[in-house]
Amino acid sequence: NCFVFACDYKPENLPALKKAKEIAESFGAELQLVYINTPGD
């Protein structure tokens, strides 16, 4: 029902996101995208 996809949102991750979206749609699931922001570099 709820599918979380995490990445750093650089262009190389586009194919992975598109596949994740296809899977979410095939299950009728909500796709939630998240960027994790952390301290440091």
ModelCIF file with pLDDT and N, C-alpha, C, O atoms, coordinates in Angstrom:
data_MODEL
#
_entry.id   MODEL 
#
_entity.id                         1 
_entity.type                       polymer 
_entity.pdbx_number_of_molecules   1 
#
_entity_poly.entity_id                      1 
_entity_poly.type                           'polypeptide(L)' 
_entity_poly.nstd_linkage                   no 
_entity_poly.nstd_monomer                   no 
_entity_poly.pdbx_seq_one_letter_code       NCFVFACDYKPENLPALKKAKEIAESFGAELQLVYINTPGD 
_entity_poly.pdbx_seq_one_letter_code_can   NCFVFACDYKPENLPALKKAKEIAESFGAELQLVYINTPGD 
_entity_poly.pdbx_strand_id                 A 
#
loop_
_entity_poly_seq.entity_id 
_entity_poly_seq.num 
_entity_poly_seq.mon_id 
_entity_poly_seq.hetero 
1 1  ASN n 
1 2  CYS n 
1 3  PHE n 
1 4  VAL n 
1 5  PHE n 
1 6  ALA n 
1 7  CYS n 
1 8  ASP n 
1 9  TYR n 
1 10 LYS n 
1 11 PRO n 
1 12 GLU n 
1 13 ASN n 
1 14 LEU n 
1 15 PRO n 
1 16 ALA n 
1 17 LEU n 
1 18 LYS n 
1 19 LYS n 
1 20 ALA n 
1 21 LYS n 
1 22 GLU n 
1 23 ILE n 
1 24 ALA n 
1 25 GLU n 
1 26 SER n 
1 27 PHE n 
1 28 GLY n 
1 29 ALA n 
1 30 GLU n 
1 31 LEU n 
1 32 GLN n 
1 33 LEU n 
1 34 VAL n 
1 35 TYR n 
1 36 ILE n 
1 37 ASN n 
1 38 THR n 
1 39 PRO n 
1 40 GLY n 
1 41 ASP n 
#
_struct_asym.id          A 
_struct_asym.entity_id   1 
#
loop_
_ma_qa_metric.id 
_ma_qa_metric.mode 
_ma_qa_metric.name 
_ma_qa_metric.software_group_id 
_ma_qa_metric.type 
1 global pLDDT . pLDDT 
2 local  pLDDT . pLDDT 
#
_ma_qa_metric_global.metric_id      1 
_ma_qa_metric_global.metric_value   92.37 
_ma_qa_metric_global.model_id       1 
_ma_qa_metric_global.ordinal_id     1 
#
loop_
_ma_qa_metric_local.label_asym_id 
_ma_qa_metric_local.label_comp_id 
_ma_qa_metric_local.label_seq_id 
_ma_qa_metric_local.metric_id 
_ma_qa_metric_local.metric_value 
_ma_qa_metric_local.model_id 
_ma_qa_metric_local.ordinal_id 
A ASN 1  2 96.00 1 1  
A CYS 2  2 97.00 1 2  
A PHE 3  2 97.00 1 3  
A VAL 4  2 97.00 1 4  
A PHE 5  2 95.00 1 5  
A ALA 6  2 93.00 1 6  
A CYS 7  2 90.00 1 7  
A ASP 8  2 90.00 1 8  
A TYR 9  2 92.00 1 9  
A LYS 10 2 90.00 1 10 
A PRO 11 2 91.00 1 11 
A GLU 12 2 90.00 1 12 
A ASN 13 2 91.00 1 13 
A LEU 14 2 92.00 1 14 
A PRO 15 2 91.00 1 15 
A ALA 16 2 92.00 1 16 
A LEU 17 2 93.00 1 17 
A LYS 18 2 92.00 1 18 
A LYS 19 2 93.00 1 19 
A ALA 20 2 94.00 1 20 
A LYS 21 2 93.00 1 21 
A GLU 22 2 93.00 1 22 
A ILE 23 2 95.00 1 23 
A ALA 24 2 95.00 1 24 
A GLU 25 2 93.00 1 25 
A SER 26 2 93.00 1 26 
A PHE 27 2 94.00 1 27 
A GLY 28 2 94.00 1 28 
A ALA 29 2 96.00 1 29 
A GLU 30 2 95.00 1 30 
A LEU 31 2 95.00 1 31 
A GLN 32 2 96.00 1 32 
A LEU 33 2 96.00 1 33 
A VAL 34 2 96.00 1 34 
A TYR 35 2 94.00 1 35 
A ILE 36 2 92.00 1 36 
A ASN 37 2 92.00 1 37 
A THR 38 2 90.00 1 38 
A PRO 39 2 89.00 1 39 
A GLY 40 2 80.00 1 40 
A ASP 41 2 70.00 1 41 
#
loop_
_atom_site.group_PDB 
_atom_site.id 
_atom_site.type_symbol 
_atom_site.label_atom_id 
_atom_site.label_alt_id 
_atom_site.label_comp_id 
_atom_site.label_asym_id 
_atom_site.label_entity_id 
_atom_site.label_seq_id 
_atom_site.pdbx_PDB_ins_code 
_atom_site.Cartn_x 
_atom_site.Cartn_y 
_atom_site.Cartn_z 
_atom_site.occupancy 
_atom_site.B_iso_or_equiv 
_atom_site.pdbx_formal_charge 
_atom_site.auth_seq_id 
_atom_site.auth_comp_id 
_atom_site.auth_asym_id 
_atom_site.auth_atom_id 
_atom_site.pdbx_PDB_model_num 
ATOM 1   N N  . ASN A 1 1  ? 0.823  -1.212 0.000   1.00 96.00 ? 1  ASN A N  1 
ATOM 2   C CA . ASN A 1 1  ? 0.000  0.000  0.000   1.00 96.00 ? 1  ASN A CA 1 
ATOM 3   C C  . ASN A 1 1  ? 0.854  1.257  0.000   1.00 96.00 ? 1  ASN A C  1 
ATOM 4   O O  . ASN A 1 1  ? 0.522  2.247  -0.653  1.00 96.00 ? 1  ASN A O  1 
ATOM 5   N N  . CYS A 1 2  ? 1.964  1.210  0.742   1.00 97.00 ? 2  CYS A N  1 
ATOM 6   C CA . CYS A 1 2  ? 2.862  2.362  0.841   1.00 97.00 ? 2  CYS A CA 1 
ATOM 7   C C  . CYS A 1 2  ? 4.287  1.922  0.499   1.00 97.00 ? 2  CYS A C  1 
ATOM 8   O O  . CYS A 1 2  ? 4.877  1.094  1.193   1.00 97.00 ? 2  CYS A O  1 
ATOM 9   N N  . PHE A 1 3  ? 4.820  2.484  -0.567  1.00 97.00 ? 3  PHE A N  1 
ATOM 10  C CA . PHE A 1 3  ? 6.138  2.118  -1.093  1.00 97.00 ? 3  PHE A CA 1 
ATOM 11  C C  . PHE A 1 3  ? 7.038  3.349  -1.005  1.00 97.00 ? 3  PHE A C  1 
ATOM 12  O O  . PHE A 1 3  ? 6.791  4.356  -1.669  1.00 97.00 ? 3  PHE A O  1 
ATOM 13  N N  . VAL A 1 4  ? 8.078  3.260  -0.185  1.00 97.00 ? 4  VAL A N  1 
ATOM 14  C CA . VAL A 1 4  ? 9.015  4.378  -0.009  1.00 97.00 ? 4  VAL A CA 1 
ATOM 15  C C  . VAL A 1 4  ? 10.256 4.146  -0.867  1.00 97.00 ? 4  VAL A C  1 
ATOM 16  O O  . VAL A 1 4  ? 10.893 3.094  -0.797  1.00 97.00 ? 4  VAL A O  1 
ATOM 17  N N  . PHE A 1 5  ? 10.583 5.147  -1.675  1.00 95.00 ? 5  PHE A N  1 
ATOM 18  C CA . PHE A 1 5  ? 11.789 5.093  -2.507  1.00 95.00 ? 5  PHE A CA 1 
ATOM 19  C C  . PHE A 1 5  ? 12.749 6.179  -2.043  1.00 95.00 ? 5  PHE A C  1 
ATOM 20  O O  . PHE A 1 5  ? 12.377 7.348  -1.944  1.00 95.00 ? 5  PHE A O  1 
ATOM 21  N N  . ALA A 1 6  ? 13.996 5.782  -1.756  1.00 93.00 ? 6  ALA A N  1 
ATOM 22  C CA . ALA A 1 6  ? 15.004 6.728  -1.267  1.00 93.00 ? 6  ALA A CA 1 
ATOM 23  C C  . ALA A 1 6  ? 16.210 6.743  -2.194  1.00 93.00 ? 6  ALA A C  1 
ATOM 24  O O  . ALA A 1 6  ? 16.710 5.695  -2.603  1.00 93.00 ? 6  ALA A O  1 
ATOM 25  N N  . CYS A 1 7  ? 16.670 7.949  -2.518  1.00 90.00 ? 7  CYS A N  1 
ATOM 26  C CA . CYS A 1 7  ? 17.922 8.085  -3.260  1.00 90.00 ? 7  CYS A CA 1 
ATOM 27  C C  . CYS A 1 7  ? 18.451 9.491  -3.045  1.00 90.00 ? 7  CYS A C  1 
ATOM 28  O O  . CYS A 1 7  ? 17.876 10.257 -2.273  1.00 90.00 ? 7  CYS A O  1 
ATOM 29  N N  . ASP A 1 8  ? 19.554 9.844  -3.726  1.00 90.00 ? 8  ASP A N  1 
ATOM 30  C CA . ASP A 1 8  ? 20.139 11.170 -3.542  1.00 90.00 ? 8  ASP A CA 1 
ATOM 31  C C  . ASP A 1 8  ? 19.699 12.154 -4.633  1.00 90.00 ? 8  ASP A C  1 
ATOM 32  O O  . ASP A 1 8  ? 20.160 13.295 -4.666  1.00 90.00 ? 8  ASP A O  1 
ATOM 33  N N  . TYR A 1 9  ? 18.807 11.705 -5.524  1.00 92.00 ? 9  TYR A N  1 
ATOM 34  C CA . TYR A 1 9  ? 18.194 12.554 -6.558  1.00 92.00 ? 9  TYR A CA 1 
ATOM 35  C C  . TYR A 1 9  ? 19.209 13.180 -7.498  1.00 92.00 ? 9  TYR A C  1 
ATOM 36  O O  . TYR A 1 9  ? 19.109 14.344 -7.886  1.00 92.00 ? 9  TYR A O  1 
ATOM 37  N N  . LYS A 1 10 ? 20.187 12.361 -7.847  1.00 90.00 ? 10 LYS A N  1 
ATOM 38  C CA . LYS A 1 10 ? 21.100 12.694 -8.929  1.00 90.00 ? 10 LYS A CA 1 
ATOM 39  C C  . LYS A 1 10 ? 20.591 11.996 -10.187 1.00 90.00 ? 10 LYS A C  1 
ATOM 40  O O  . LYS A 1 10 ? 19.934 10.960 -10.082 1.00 90.00 ? 10 LYS A O  1 
ATOM 41  N N  . PRO A 1 11 ? 20.878 12.540 -11.382 1.00 91.00 ? 11 PRO A N  1 
ATOM 42  C CA . PRO A 1 11 ? 20.293 12.019 -12.628 1.00 91.00 ? 11 PRO A CA 1 
ATOM 43  C C  . PRO A 1 11 ? 20.452 10.518 -12.849 1.00 91.00 ? 11 PRO A C  1 
ATOM 44  O O  . PRO A 1 11 ? 19.589 9.893  -13.467 1.00 91.00 ? 11 PRO A O  1 
ATOM 45  N N  . GLU A 1 12 ? 21.535 9.934  -12.357 1.00 90.00 ? 12 GLU A N  1 
ATOM 46  C CA . GLU A 1 12 ? 21.767 8.505  -12.582 1.00 90.00 ? 12 GLU A CA 1 
ATOM 47  C C  . GLU A 1 12 ? 20.677 7.629  -11.956 1.00 90.00 ? 12 GLU A C  1 
ATOM 48  O O  . GLU A 1 12 ? 20.545 6.459  -12.315 1.00 90.00 ? 12 GLU A O  1 
ATOM 49  N N  . ASN A 1 13 ? 19.901 8.184  -11.028 1.00 91.00 ? 13 ASN A N  1 
ATOM 50  C CA . ASN A 1 13 ? 18.861 7.417  -10.350 1.00 91.00 ? 13 ASN A CA 1 
ATOM 51  C C  . ASN A 1 13 ? 17.506 7.456  -11.065 1.00 91.00 ? 13 ASN A C  1 
ATOM 52  O O  . ASN A 1 13 ? 16.543 6.846  -10.599 1.00 91.00 ? 13 ASN A O  1 
ATOM 53  N N  . LEU A 1 14 ? 17.428 8.161  -12.177 1.00 92.00 ? 14 LEU A N  1 
ATOM 54  C CA . LEU A 1 14 ? 16.162 8.277  -12.896 1.00 92.00 ? 14 LEU A CA 1 
ATOM 55  C C  . LEU A 1 14 ? 15.582 6.927  -13.333 1.00 92.00 ? 14 LEU A C  1 
ATOM 56  O O  . LEU A 1 14 ? 14.392 6.692  -13.123 1.00 92.00 ? 14 LEU A O  1 
ATOM 57  N N  . PRO A 1 15 ? 16.379 6.030  -13.935 1.00 91.00 ? 15 PRO A N  1 
ATOM 58  C CA . PRO A 1 15 ? 15.803 4.734  -14.341 1.00 91.00 ? 15 PRO A CA 1 
ATOM 59  C C  . PRO A 1 15 ? 15.231 3.955  -13.167 1.00 91.00 ? 15 PRO A C  1 
ATOM 60  O O  . PRO A 1 15 ? 14.193 3.306  -13.290 1.00 91.00 ? 15 PRO A O  1 
ATOM 61  N N  . ALA A 1 16 ? 15.914 4.021  -12.027 1.00 92.00 ? 16 ALA A N  1 
ATOM 62  C CA . ALA A 1 16 ? 15.431 3.299  -10.844 1.00 92.00 ? 16 ALA A CA 1 
ATOM 63  C C  . ALA A 1 16 ? 14.093 3.853  -10.379 1.00 92.00 ? 16 ALA A C  1 
ATOM 64  O O  . ALA A 1 16 ? 13.193 3.093  -10.022 1.00 92.00 ? 16 ALA A O  1 
ATOM 65  N N  . LEU A 1 17 ? 13.961 5.175  -10.381 1.00 93.00 ? 17 LEU A N  1 
ATOM 66  C CA . LEU A 1 17 ? 12.706 5.789  -9.952  1.00 93.00 ? 17 LEU A CA 1 
ATOM 67  C C  . LEU A 1 17 ? 11.568 5.420  -10.892 1.00 93.00 ? 17 LEU A C  1 
ATOM 68  O O  . LEU A 1 17 ? 10.457 5.140  -10.441 1.00 93.00 ? 17 LEU A O  1 
ATOM 69  N N  . LYS A 1 18 ? 11.833 5.416  -12.182 1.00 92.00 ? 18 LYS A N  1 
ATOM 70  C CA . LYS A 1 18 ? 10.783 5.078  -13.141 1.00 92.00 ? 18 LYS A CA 1 
ATOM 71  C C  . LYS A 1 18 ? 10.296 3.641  -12.942 1.00 92.00 ? 18 LYS A C  1 
ATOM 72  O O  . LYS A 1 18 ? 9.100  3.367  -13.044 1.00 92.00 ? 18 LYS A O  1 
ATOM 73  N N  . LYS A 1 19 ? 11.223 2.727  -12.660 1.00 93.00 ? 19 LYS A N  1 
ATOM 74  C CA . LYS A 1 19 ? 10.820 1.347  -12.409 1.00 93.00 ? 19 LYS A CA 1 
ATOM 75  C C  . LYS A 1 19 ? 10.033 1.240  -11.114 1.00 93.00 ? 19 LYS A C  1 
ATOM 76  O O  . LYS A 1 19 ? 9.056  0.495  -11.029 1.00 93.00 ? 19 LYS A O  1 
ATOM 77  N N  . ALA A 1 20 ? 10.466 1.994  -10.099 1.00 94.00 ? 20 ALA A N  1 
ATOM 78  C CA . ALA A 1 20 ? 9.746  1.990  -8.829  1.00 94.00 ? 20 ALA A CA 1 
ATOM 79  C C  . ALA A 1 20 ? 8.317  2.497  -9.027  1.00 94.00 ? 20 ALA A C  1 
ATOM 80  O O  . ALA A 1 20 ? 7.374  1.956  -8.449  1.00 94.00 ? 20 ALA A O  1 
ATOM 81  N N  . LYS A 1 21 ? 8.167  3.527  -9.838  1.00 93.00 ? 21 LYS A N  1 
ATOM 82  C CA . LYS A 1 21 ? 6.834  4.083  -10.116 1.00 93.00 ? 21 LYS A CA 1 
ATOM 83  C C  . LYS A 1 21 ? 5.954  3.061  -10.823 1.00 93.00 ? 21 LYS A C  1 
ATOM 84  O O  . LYS A 1 21 ? 4.767  2.947  -10.519 1.00 93.00 ? 21 LYS A O  1 
ATOM 85  N N  . GLU A 1 22 ? 6.526  2.323  -11.759 1.00 93.00 ? 22 GLU A N  1 
ATOM 86  C CA . GLU A 1 22 ? 5.775  1.295  -12.474 1.00 93.00 ? 22 GLU A CA 1 
ATOM 87  C C  . GLU A 1 22 ? 5.289  0.210  -11.518 1.00 93.00 ? 22 GLU A C  1 
ATOM 88  O O  . GLU A 1 22 ? 4.151  -0.251 -11.618 1.00 93.00 ? 22 GLU A O  1 
ATOM 89  N N  . ILE A 1 23 ? 6.155  -0.196 -10.592 1.00 95.00 ? 23 ILE A N  1 
ATOM 90  C CA . ILE A 1 23 ? 5.772  -1.233 -9.631  1.00 95.00 ? 23 ILE A CA 1 
ATOM 91  C C  . ILE A 1 23 ? 4.674  -0.722 -8.710  1.00 95.00 ? 23 ILE A C  1 
ATOM 92  O O  . ILE A 1 23 ? 3.702  -1.429 -8.440  1.00 95.00 ? 23 ILE A O  1 
ATOM 93  N N  . ALA A 1 24 ? 4.831  0.502  -8.230  1.00 95.00 ? 24 ALA A N  1 
ATOM 94  C CA . ALA A 1 24 ? 3.807  1.072  -7.354  1.00 95.00 ? 24 ALA A CA 1 
ATOM 95  C C  . ALA A 1 24 ? 2.458  1.114  -8.065  1.00 95.00 ? 24 ALA A C  1 
ATOM 96  O O  . ALA A 1 24 ? 1.430  0.783  -7.473  1.00 95.00 ? 24 ALA A O  1 
ATOM 97  N N  . GLU A 1 25 ? 2.462  1.516  -9.319  1.00 93.00 ? 25 GLU A N  1 
ATOM 98  C CA . GLU A 1 25 ? 1.209  1.605  -10.082 1.00 93.00 ? 25 GLU A CA 1 
ATOM 99  C C  . GLU A 1 25 ? 0.602  0.226  -10.301 1.00 93.00 ? 25 GLU A C  1 
ATOM 100 O O  . GLU A 1 25 ? -0.619 0.070  -10.259 1.00 93.00 ? 25 GLU A O  1 
ATOM 101 N N  . SER A 1 26 ? 1.446  -0.775 -10.533 1.00 93.00 ? 26 SER A N  1 
ATOM 102 C CA . SER A 1 26 ? 0.931  -2.123 -10.779 1.00 93.00 ? 26 SER A CA 1 
ATOM 103 C C  . SER A 1 26 ? 0.255  -2.707 -9.548  1.00 93.00 ? 26 SER A C  1 
ATOM 104 O O  . SER A 1 26 ? -0.622 -3.563 -9.663  1.00 93.00 ? 26 SER A O  1 
ATOM 105 N N  . PHE A 1 27 ? 0.661  -2.245 -8.370  1.00 94.00 ? 27 PHE A N  1 
ATOM 106 C CA . PHE A 1 27 ? 0.054  -2.704 -7.122  1.00 94.00 ? 27 PHE A CA 1 
ATOM 107 C C  . PHE A 1 27 ? -1.037 -1.758 -6.623  1.00 94.00 ? 27 PHE A C  1 
ATOM 108 O O  . PHE A 1 27 ? -1.726 -2.054 -5.647  1.00 94.00 ? 27 PHE A O  1 
ATOM 109 N N  . GLY A 1 28 ? -1.185 -0.633 -7.292  1.00 94.00 ? 28 GLY A N  1 
ATOM 110 C CA . GLY A 1 28 ? -2.115 0.371  -6.811  1.00 94.00 ? 28 GLY A CA 1 
ATOM 111 C C  . GLY A 1 28 ? -1.656 0.981  -5.503  1.00 94.00 ? 28 GLY A C  1 
ATOM 112 O O  . GLY A 1 28 ? -2.470 1.381  -4.670  1.00 94.00 ? 28 GLY A O  1 
ATOM 113 N N  . ALA A 1 29 ? -0.331 1.052  -5.326  1.00 96.00 ? 29 ALA A N  1 
ATOM 114 C CA . ALA A 1 29 ? 0.252  1.543  -4.074  1.00 96.00 ? 29 ALA A CA 1 
ATOM 115 C C  . ALA A 1 29 ? 0.623  3.013  -4.184  1.00 96.00 ? 29 ALA A C  1 
ATOM 116 O O  . ALA A 1 29 ? 0.819  3.544  -5.277  1.00 96.00 ? 29 ALA A O  1 
ATOM 117 N N  . GLU A 1 30 ? 0.713  3.650  -3.037  1.00 95.00 ? 30 GLU A N  1 
ATOM 118 C CA . GLU A 1 30 ? 1.183  5.036  -2.978  1.00 95.00 ? 30 GLU A CA 1 
ATOM 119 C C  . GLU A 1 30 ? 2.706  5.031  -2.962  1.00 95.00 ? 30 GLU A C  1 
ATOM 120 O O  . GLU A 1 30 ? 3.316  4.366  -2.125  1.00 95.00 ? 30 GLU A O  1 
ATOM 121 N N  . LEU A 1 31 ? 3.321  5.766  -3.878  1.00 95.00 ? 31 LEU A N  1 
ATOM 122 C CA . LEU A 1 31 ? 4.768  5.874  -3.921  1.00 95.00 ? 31 LEU A CA 1 
ATOM 123 C C  . LEU A 1 31 ? 5.190  7.142  -3.196  1.00 95.00 ? 31 LEU A C  1 
ATOM 124 O O  . LEU A 1 31 ? 4.831  8.247  -3.602  1.00 95.00 ? 31 LEU A O  1 
ATOM 125 N N  . GLN A 1 32 ? 5.946  6.981  -2.130  1.00 96.00 ? 32 GLN A N  1 
ATOM 126 C CA . GLN A 1 32 ? 6.423  8.126  -1.367  1.00 96.00 ? 32 GLN A CA 1 
ATOM 127 C C  . GLN A 1 32 ? 7.930  8.250  -1.557  1.00 96.00 ? 32 GLN A C  1 
ATOM 128 O O  . GLN A 1 32 ? 8.685  7.329  -1.247  1.00 96.00 ? 32 GLN A O  1 
ATOM 129 N N  . LEU A 1 33 ? 8.356  9.397  -2.070  1.00 96.00 ? 33 LEU A N  1 
ATOM 130 C CA . LEU A 1 33 ? 9.768  9.656  -2.302  1.00 96.00 ? 33 LEU A CA 1 
ATOM 131 C C  . LEU A 1 33 ? 10.341 10.441 -1.131  1.00 96.00 ? 33 LEU A C  1 
ATOM 132 O O  . LEU A 1 33 ? 9.699  11.341 -0.591  1.00 96.00 ? 33 LEU A O  1 
ATOM 133 N N  . VAL A 1 34 ? 11.560 10.080 -0.751  1.00 96.00 ? 34 VAL A N  1 
ATOM 134 C CA . VAL A 1 34 ? 12.164 10.769 0.385   1.00 96.00 ? 34 VAL A CA 1 
ATOM 135 C C  . VAL A 1 34 ? 13.637 11.039 0.101   1.00 96.00 ? 34 VAL A C  1 
ATOM 136 O O  . VAL A 1 34 ? 14.342 10.218 -0.485  1.00 96.00 ? 34 VAL A O  1 
ATOM 137 N N  . TYR A 1 35 ? 14.072 12.204 0.532   1.00 94.00 ? 35 TYR A N  1 
ATOM 138 C CA . TYR A 1 35 ? 15.494 12.561 0.528   1.00 94.00 ? 35 TYR A CA 1 
ATOM 139 C C  . TYR A 1 35 ? 15.906 12.729 1.988   1.00 94.00 ? 35 TYR A C  1 
ATOM 140 O O  . TYR A 1 35 ? 15.311 13.515 2.726   1.00 94.00 ? 35 TYR A O  1 
ATOM 141 N N  . ILE A 1 36 ? 16.927 11.987 2.392   1.00 92.00 ? 36 ILE A N  1 
ATOM 142 C CA . ILE A 1 36 ? 17.389 12.058 3.776   1.00 92.00 ? 36 ILE A CA 1 
ATOM 143 C C  . ILE A 1 36 ? 18.522 13.072 3.868   1.00 92.00 ? 36 ILE A C  1 
ATOM 144 O O  . ILE A 1 36 ? 19.584 12.891 3.271   1.00 92.00 ? 36 ILE A O  1 
ATOM 145 N N  . ASN A 1 37 ? 18.286 14.126 4.615   1.00 92.00 ? 37 ASN A N  1 
ATOM 146 C CA . ASN A 1 37 ? 19.283 15.181 4.798   1.00 92.00 ? 37 ASN A CA 1 
ATOM 147 C C  . ASN A 1 37 ? 19.981 14.968 6.131   1.00 92.00 ? 37 ASN A C  1 
ATOM 148 O O  . ASN A 1 37 ? 19.331 14.848 7.169   1.00 92.00 ? 37 ASN A O  1 
ATOM 149 N N  . THR A 1 38 ? 21.303 14.923 6.098   1.00 90.00 ? 38 THR A N  1 
ATOM 150 C CA . THR A 1 38 ? 22.075 14.620 7.309   1.00 90.00 ? 38 THR A CA 1 
ATOM 151 C C  . THR A 1 38 ? 23.130 15.686 7.565   1.00 90.00 ? 38 THR A C  1 
ATOM 152 O O  . THR A 1 38 ? 23.507 16.414 6.647   1.00 90.00 ? 38 THR A O  1 
ATOM 153 N N  . PRO A 1 39 ? 23.613 15.788 8.801   1.00 89.00 ? 39 PRO A N  1 
ATOM 154 C CA . PRO A 1 39 ? 24.702 16.727 9.106   1.00 89.00 ? 39 PRO A CA 1 
ATOM 155 C C  . PRO A 1 39 ? 25.993 16.283 8.417   1.00 89.00 ? 39 PRO A C  1 
ATOM 156 O O  . PRO A 1 39 ? 26.097 15.142 7.967   1.00 89.00 ? 39 PRO A O  1 
ATOM 157 N N  . GLY A 1 40 ? 26.949 17.158 8.336   1.00 80.00 ? 40 GLY A N  1 
ATOM 158 C CA . GLY A 1 40 ? 28.252 16.806 7.777   1.00 80.00 ? 40 GLY A CA 1 
ATOM 159 C C  . GLY A 1 40 ? 28.400 17.217 6.331   1.00 80.00 ? 40 GLY A C  1 
ATOM 160 O O  . GLY A 1 40 ? 27.722 18.127 5.854   1.00 80.00 ? 40 GLY A O  1 
ATOM 161 N N  . ASP A 1 41 ? 29.303 16.527 5.633   1.00 70.00 ? 41 ASP A N  1 
ATOM 162 C CA . ASP A 1 41 ? 29.661 16.903 4.263   1.00 70.00 ? 41 ASP A CA 1 
ATOM 163 C C  . ASP A 1 41 ? 28.489 16.802 3.297   1.00 70.00 ? 41 ASP A C  1 
ATOM 164 O O  . ASP A 1 41 ? 28.642 17.087 2.109   1.00 70.00 ? 41 ASP A O  1 
#
